[in-house]
N, C-alpha and C. Protein backbone atom coordinates (compact mmCIF):
# COMPACT_ATOMS: atom_id res chain seq x y z
N MET A 1 -5.96 75.54 -16.32
CA MET A 1 -5.71 76.56 -17.32
C MET A 1 -4.45 76.21 -18.10
N ALA A 2 -4.55 76.26 -19.41
CA ALA A 2 -3.42 75.91 -20.27
C ALA A 2 -2.32 76.96 -20.16
N GLN A 3 -1.08 76.48 -20.35
CA GLN A 3 0.09 77.35 -20.24
C GLN A 3 1.01 77.09 -21.43
N GLN A 4 1.50 78.14 -22.06
CA GLN A 4 2.45 78.00 -23.15
C GLN A 4 3.80 77.59 -22.58
N ALA A 5 4.48 76.69 -23.29
CA ALA A 5 5.78 76.19 -22.84
C ALA A 5 6.60 75.77 -24.06
N THR A 6 7.84 75.44 -23.81
CA THR A 6 8.73 74.96 -24.87
C THR A 6 9.16 73.54 -24.53
N LYS A 7 9.06 72.67 -25.53
CA LYS A 7 9.53 71.29 -25.37
C LYS A 7 10.83 71.14 -26.14
N LEU A 8 11.88 70.74 -25.45
CA LEU A 8 13.15 70.40 -26.08
C LEU A 8 13.22 68.88 -26.19
N VAL A 9 13.48 68.41 -27.38
CA VAL A 9 13.64 66.97 -27.61
C VAL A 9 15.08 66.72 -28.04
N VAL A 10 15.72 65.78 -27.37
CA VAL A 10 17.09 65.39 -27.71
C VAL A 10 17.06 63.89 -27.96
N ILE A 11 17.52 63.49 -29.14
CA ILE A 11 17.65 62.07 -29.48
C ILE A 11 19.14 61.82 -29.68
N THR A 12 19.67 60.90 -28.91
CA THR A 12 21.11 60.67 -28.97
C THR A 12 21.44 59.27 -28.47
N GLU A 13 22.72 58.99 -28.36
CA GLU A 13 23.17 57.66 -27.94
C GLU A 13 22.99 57.47 -26.43
N LYS A 14 22.55 56.30 -26.07
CA LYS A 14 22.26 56.00 -24.66
C LYS A 14 23.50 56.14 -23.78
N VAL A 15 24.66 55.91 -24.34
CA VAL A 15 25.90 56.00 -23.57
C VAL A 15 26.10 57.41 -22.99
N LEU A 16 25.43 58.41 -23.56
CA LEU A 16 25.56 59.79 -23.07
C LEU A 16 24.54 60.14 -22.00
N LEU A 17 23.63 59.24 -21.70
CA LEU A 17 22.50 59.57 -20.83
C LEU A 17 22.94 60.11 -19.48
N ARG A 18 23.90 59.49 -18.86
CA ARG A 18 24.32 59.95 -17.52
C ARG A 18 24.88 61.36 -17.59
N ASP A 19 25.72 61.64 -18.57
CA ASP A 19 26.32 62.98 -18.69
C ASP A 19 25.27 64.04 -19.03
N ILE A 20 24.36 63.69 -19.93
CA ILE A 20 23.31 64.65 -20.29
C ILE A 20 22.37 64.88 -19.10
N SER A 21 22.12 63.85 -18.33
CA SER A 21 21.29 64.02 -17.13
C SER A 21 21.92 65.03 -16.17
N LYS A 22 23.22 65.02 -16.06
CA LYS A 22 23.91 65.99 -15.20
C LYS A 22 23.71 67.41 -15.71
N ILE A 23 23.77 67.58 -17.03
CA ILE A 23 23.53 68.91 -17.62
C ILE A 23 22.10 69.36 -17.31
N LEU A 24 21.15 68.44 -17.46
CA LEU A 24 19.74 68.78 -17.21
C LEU A 24 19.51 69.12 -15.74
N GLU A 25 20.11 68.35 -14.86
CA GLU A 25 19.90 68.58 -13.43
C GLU A 25 20.59 69.85 -12.95
N ALA A 26 21.62 70.28 -13.64
CA ALA A 26 22.30 71.53 -13.29
C ALA A 26 21.60 72.75 -13.89
N SER A 27 20.66 72.51 -14.79
CA SER A 27 19.96 73.61 -15.46
C SER A 27 18.73 74.03 -14.66
N ALA A 28 18.00 74.98 -15.22
CA ALA A 28 16.77 75.45 -14.58
C ALA A 28 15.56 74.58 -14.93
N ALA A 29 15.75 73.51 -15.68
CA ALA A 29 14.64 72.62 -16.01
C ALA A 29 14.19 71.89 -14.75
N THR A 30 12.89 71.67 -14.63
CA THR A 30 12.37 71.03 -13.42
C THR A 30 12.27 69.52 -13.56
N GLY A 31 12.47 68.99 -14.76
CA GLY A 31 12.40 67.55 -14.95
C GLY A 31 12.57 67.18 -16.40
N TYR A 32 12.58 65.88 -16.66
CA TYR A 32 12.71 65.39 -18.02
C TYR A 32 12.19 63.96 -18.09
N THR A 33 11.93 63.52 -19.31
CA THR A 33 11.47 62.16 -19.57
C THR A 33 12.44 61.50 -20.51
N VAL A 34 12.75 60.23 -20.27
CA VAL A 34 13.67 59.47 -21.11
C VAL A 34 12.93 58.24 -21.62
N MET A 35 13.09 57.97 -22.92
CA MET A 35 12.50 56.76 -23.50
C MET A 35 13.44 56.19 -24.55
N ALA A 36 13.30 54.92 -24.81
CA ALA A 36 14.10 54.27 -25.85
C ALA A 36 13.72 54.84 -27.20
N ALA A 37 14.72 54.93 -28.09
CA ALA A 37 14.46 55.46 -29.43
C ALA A 37 15.22 54.62 -30.45
N GLY A 38 14.70 54.58 -31.65
CA GLY A 38 15.34 53.89 -32.75
C GLY A 38 15.01 54.58 -34.04
N GLY A 39 15.74 54.25 -35.08
CA GLY A 39 15.46 54.85 -36.38
C GLY A 39 16.69 54.86 -37.24
N LYS A 40 16.66 55.68 -38.29
CA LYS A 40 17.78 55.76 -39.22
C LYS A 40 18.12 57.21 -39.45
N GLY A 41 19.41 57.51 -39.48
CA GLY A 41 19.87 58.88 -39.72
C GLY A 41 21.19 58.88 -40.43
N SER A 42 21.90 59.99 -40.35
CA SER A 42 23.16 60.14 -41.08
C SER A 42 24.25 59.20 -40.58
N ARG A 43 24.08 58.68 -39.38
CA ARG A 43 25.08 57.76 -38.84
C ARG A 43 24.55 56.32 -38.83
N ASN A 44 23.65 56.03 -39.75
CA ASN A 44 23.13 54.69 -39.98
C ASN A 44 21.93 54.37 -39.10
N THR A 45 21.56 53.09 -39.03
CA THR A 45 20.35 52.66 -38.35
C THR A 45 20.65 52.31 -36.90
N ARG A 46 19.76 52.73 -36.02
CA ARG A 46 19.83 52.38 -34.60
C ARG A 46 18.54 51.68 -34.23
N SER A 47 18.67 50.62 -33.51
CA SER A 47 17.50 49.85 -33.11
C SER A 47 17.06 50.26 -31.71
N SER A 48 15.77 50.28 -31.50
CA SER A 48 15.24 50.49 -30.15
C SER A 48 14.88 49.16 -29.51
N GLY A 49 15.13 48.08 -30.25
CA GLY A 49 14.82 46.76 -29.73
C GLY A 49 15.77 46.35 -28.63
N GLN A 50 15.48 45.27 -28.00
CA GLN A 50 16.31 44.78 -26.89
C GLN A 50 17.38 43.84 -27.44
N PRO A 51 18.63 44.26 -27.47
CA PRO A 51 19.70 43.38 -27.95
C PRO A 51 19.96 42.25 -26.96
N ALA A 52 20.59 41.19 -27.46
CA ALA A 52 20.81 40.01 -26.64
C ALA A 52 21.87 40.23 -25.57
N VAL A 53 22.87 41.06 -25.82
CA VAL A 53 24.00 41.19 -24.90
C VAL A 53 23.96 42.51 -24.13
N SER A 54 23.83 43.61 -24.83
CA SER A 54 23.90 44.91 -24.17
C SER A 54 23.08 45.92 -24.95
N ASP A 55 22.54 46.91 -24.26
CA ASP A 55 21.83 47.98 -24.96
C ASP A 55 22.66 49.26 -24.94
N THR A 56 23.95 49.15 -24.70
CA THR A 56 24.85 50.30 -24.64
C THR A 56 24.81 51.11 -25.92
N PHE A 57 24.63 50.46 -27.05
CA PHE A 57 24.69 51.15 -28.34
C PHE A 57 23.31 51.57 -28.85
N SER A 58 22.33 51.57 -28.00
CA SER A 58 21.01 52.01 -28.41
C SER A 58 20.86 53.51 -28.23
N ASN A 59 19.76 54.05 -28.70
CA ASN A 59 19.49 55.49 -28.59
C ASN A 59 18.42 55.76 -27.55
N VAL A 60 18.41 56.99 -27.08
CA VAL A 60 17.38 57.45 -26.16
C VAL A 60 16.81 58.76 -26.67
N LYS A 61 15.58 59.01 -26.28
CA LYS A 61 14.91 60.27 -26.59
C LYS A 61 14.58 60.94 -25.26
N LEU A 62 15.07 62.15 -25.09
CA LEU A 62 14.80 62.91 -23.87
C LEU A 62 13.86 64.05 -24.21
N GLU A 63 12.86 64.26 -23.38
CA GLU A 63 11.94 65.38 -23.54
C GLU A 63 12.02 66.25 -22.30
N ILE A 64 12.27 67.52 -22.52
CA ILE A 64 12.37 68.50 -21.44
C ILE A 64 11.35 69.59 -21.74
N ILE A 65 10.44 69.82 -20.82
CA ILE A 65 9.43 70.86 -21.00
C ILE A 65 9.72 71.97 -20.01
N THR A 66 9.81 73.18 -20.53
CA THR A 66 10.11 74.32 -19.67
C THR A 66 9.27 75.52 -20.08
N ALA A 67 8.97 76.37 -19.12
CA ALA A 67 8.22 77.58 -19.40
C ALA A 67 9.08 78.65 -20.05
N ASN A 68 10.39 78.45 -20.04
CA ASN A 68 11.33 79.44 -20.53
C ASN A 68 12.08 78.89 -21.75
N GLU A 69 11.82 79.45 -22.93
CA GLU A 69 12.48 78.99 -24.15
C GLU A 69 14.00 79.15 -24.06
N GLY A 70 14.46 80.19 -23.38
CA GLY A 70 15.90 80.41 -23.23
C GLY A 70 16.58 79.27 -22.51
N VAL A 71 15.90 78.71 -21.51
CA VAL A 71 16.46 77.57 -20.78
C VAL A 71 16.61 76.38 -21.73
N ALA A 72 15.59 76.13 -22.54
CA ALA A 72 15.64 75.03 -23.49
C ALA A 72 16.77 75.21 -24.50
N ARG A 73 16.91 76.42 -25.01
CA ARG A 73 17.99 76.68 -25.98
C ARG A 73 19.37 76.54 -25.34
N GLU A 74 19.51 76.97 -24.10
CA GLU A 74 20.79 76.86 -23.41
C GLU A 74 21.16 75.38 -23.19
N ILE A 75 20.21 74.58 -22.79
CA ILE A 75 20.46 73.14 -22.59
C ILE A 75 20.86 72.50 -23.92
N ALA A 76 20.11 72.80 -24.97
CA ALA A 76 20.41 72.22 -26.29
C ALA A 76 21.81 72.61 -26.75
N ALA A 77 22.19 73.86 -26.55
CA ALA A 77 23.52 74.31 -26.97
C ALA A 77 24.62 73.59 -26.20
N LYS A 78 24.43 73.43 -24.91
CA LYS A 78 25.45 72.73 -24.10
C LYS A 78 25.62 71.29 -24.56
N ILE A 79 24.52 70.60 -24.80
CA ILE A 79 24.58 69.21 -25.23
C ILE A 79 25.21 69.10 -26.62
N ALA A 80 24.77 69.93 -27.54
CA ALA A 80 25.28 69.86 -28.92
C ALA A 80 26.76 70.21 -28.98
N GLU A 81 27.16 71.26 -28.29
CA GLU A 81 28.57 71.66 -28.32
C GLU A 81 29.48 70.61 -27.71
N LYS A 82 29.00 69.94 -26.68
CA LYS A 82 29.86 68.97 -25.98
C LYS A 82 29.89 67.60 -26.65
N TYR A 83 28.79 67.18 -27.29
CA TYR A 83 28.72 65.78 -27.74
C TYR A 83 28.47 65.55 -29.22
N PHE A 84 27.79 66.46 -29.92
CA PHE A 84 27.30 66.10 -31.25
C PHE A 84 28.36 66.06 -32.33
N ASP A 85 29.58 66.52 -32.06
CA ASP A 85 30.65 66.34 -33.06
C ASP A 85 31.13 64.89 -33.09
N ASN A 86 31.02 64.19 -31.97
CA ASN A 86 31.57 62.84 -31.87
C ASN A 86 30.53 61.75 -31.66
N PHE A 87 29.30 62.12 -31.38
CA PHE A 87 28.24 61.15 -31.16
C PHE A 87 27.04 61.54 -32.01
N SER A 88 26.22 60.55 -32.35
CA SER A 88 25.01 60.89 -33.09
C SER A 88 24.03 61.61 -32.16
N GLY A 89 23.30 62.53 -32.73
CA GLY A 89 22.32 63.25 -31.92
C GLY A 89 21.64 64.35 -32.70
N ILE A 90 20.45 64.68 -32.24
CA ILE A 90 19.69 65.79 -32.80
C ILE A 90 18.91 66.42 -31.65
N ALA A 91 18.75 67.71 -31.72
CA ALA A 91 17.96 68.43 -30.71
C ALA A 91 17.04 69.39 -31.45
N TYR A 92 15.78 69.44 -31.01
CA TYR A 92 14.86 70.39 -31.62
C TYR A 92 13.87 70.91 -30.57
N LEU A 93 13.30 72.06 -30.89
CA LEU A 93 12.36 72.71 -29.99
C LEU A 93 10.96 72.68 -30.60
N ASP A 94 9.98 72.71 -29.75
CA ASP A 94 8.60 72.79 -30.19
C ASP A 94 7.83 73.63 -29.18
N GLU A 95 7.05 74.54 -29.68
CA GLU A 95 6.18 75.32 -28.79
C GLU A 95 4.95 74.48 -28.50
N ILE A 96 4.63 74.33 -27.25
CA ILE A 96 3.52 73.46 -26.86
C ILE A 96 2.58 74.19 -25.90
N GLU A 97 1.44 73.57 -25.68
CA GLU A 97 0.47 74.07 -24.71
C GLU A 97 0.31 73.00 -23.65
N VAL A 98 0.71 73.30 -22.44
CA VAL A 98 0.60 72.36 -21.33
C VAL A 98 -0.77 72.52 -20.70
N LEU A 99 -1.51 71.45 -20.66
CA LEU A 99 -2.85 71.51 -20.10
C LEU A 99 -2.86 71.37 -18.59
N TYR A 100 -2.05 70.45 -18.09
CA TYR A 100 -1.99 70.23 -16.65
C TYR A 100 -0.54 69.97 -16.24
N ALA A 101 -0.08 70.65 -15.21
CA ALA A 101 1.27 70.42 -14.69
C ALA A 101 1.33 70.93 -13.26
N HIS A 102 2.02 70.20 -12.44
CA HIS A 102 2.23 70.66 -11.07
C HIS A 102 3.12 71.89 -11.08
N LYS A 103 4.23 71.80 -11.87
CA LYS A 103 5.18 72.91 -11.93
C LYS A 103 5.99 72.79 -13.20
N LEU A 104 6.21 73.91 -13.88
CA LEU A 104 7.09 73.93 -15.06
C LEU A 104 8.38 74.62 -14.74
């Protein structure tokens, strides 16, 4: 049976991944997905390709799906307030329909 949920997407610098993971793990979210991201924005172009020396300056895309929109908004606010003044990043919400999930 399908269930309504909220997906929070955060695209930001990979260097923040460990700190953002701590915020996610301290929240009521039950999990998240991380993937490499690339593109162009207000802070110039970021590659998702594999650099020769280090991928420290690459971007990541995190997806957090929760049954509670308030949880998603709280996570987004914490991340944005703490990091987005000094690091590139964007966070957005999307209402989704989860078809199958062990737990949200």
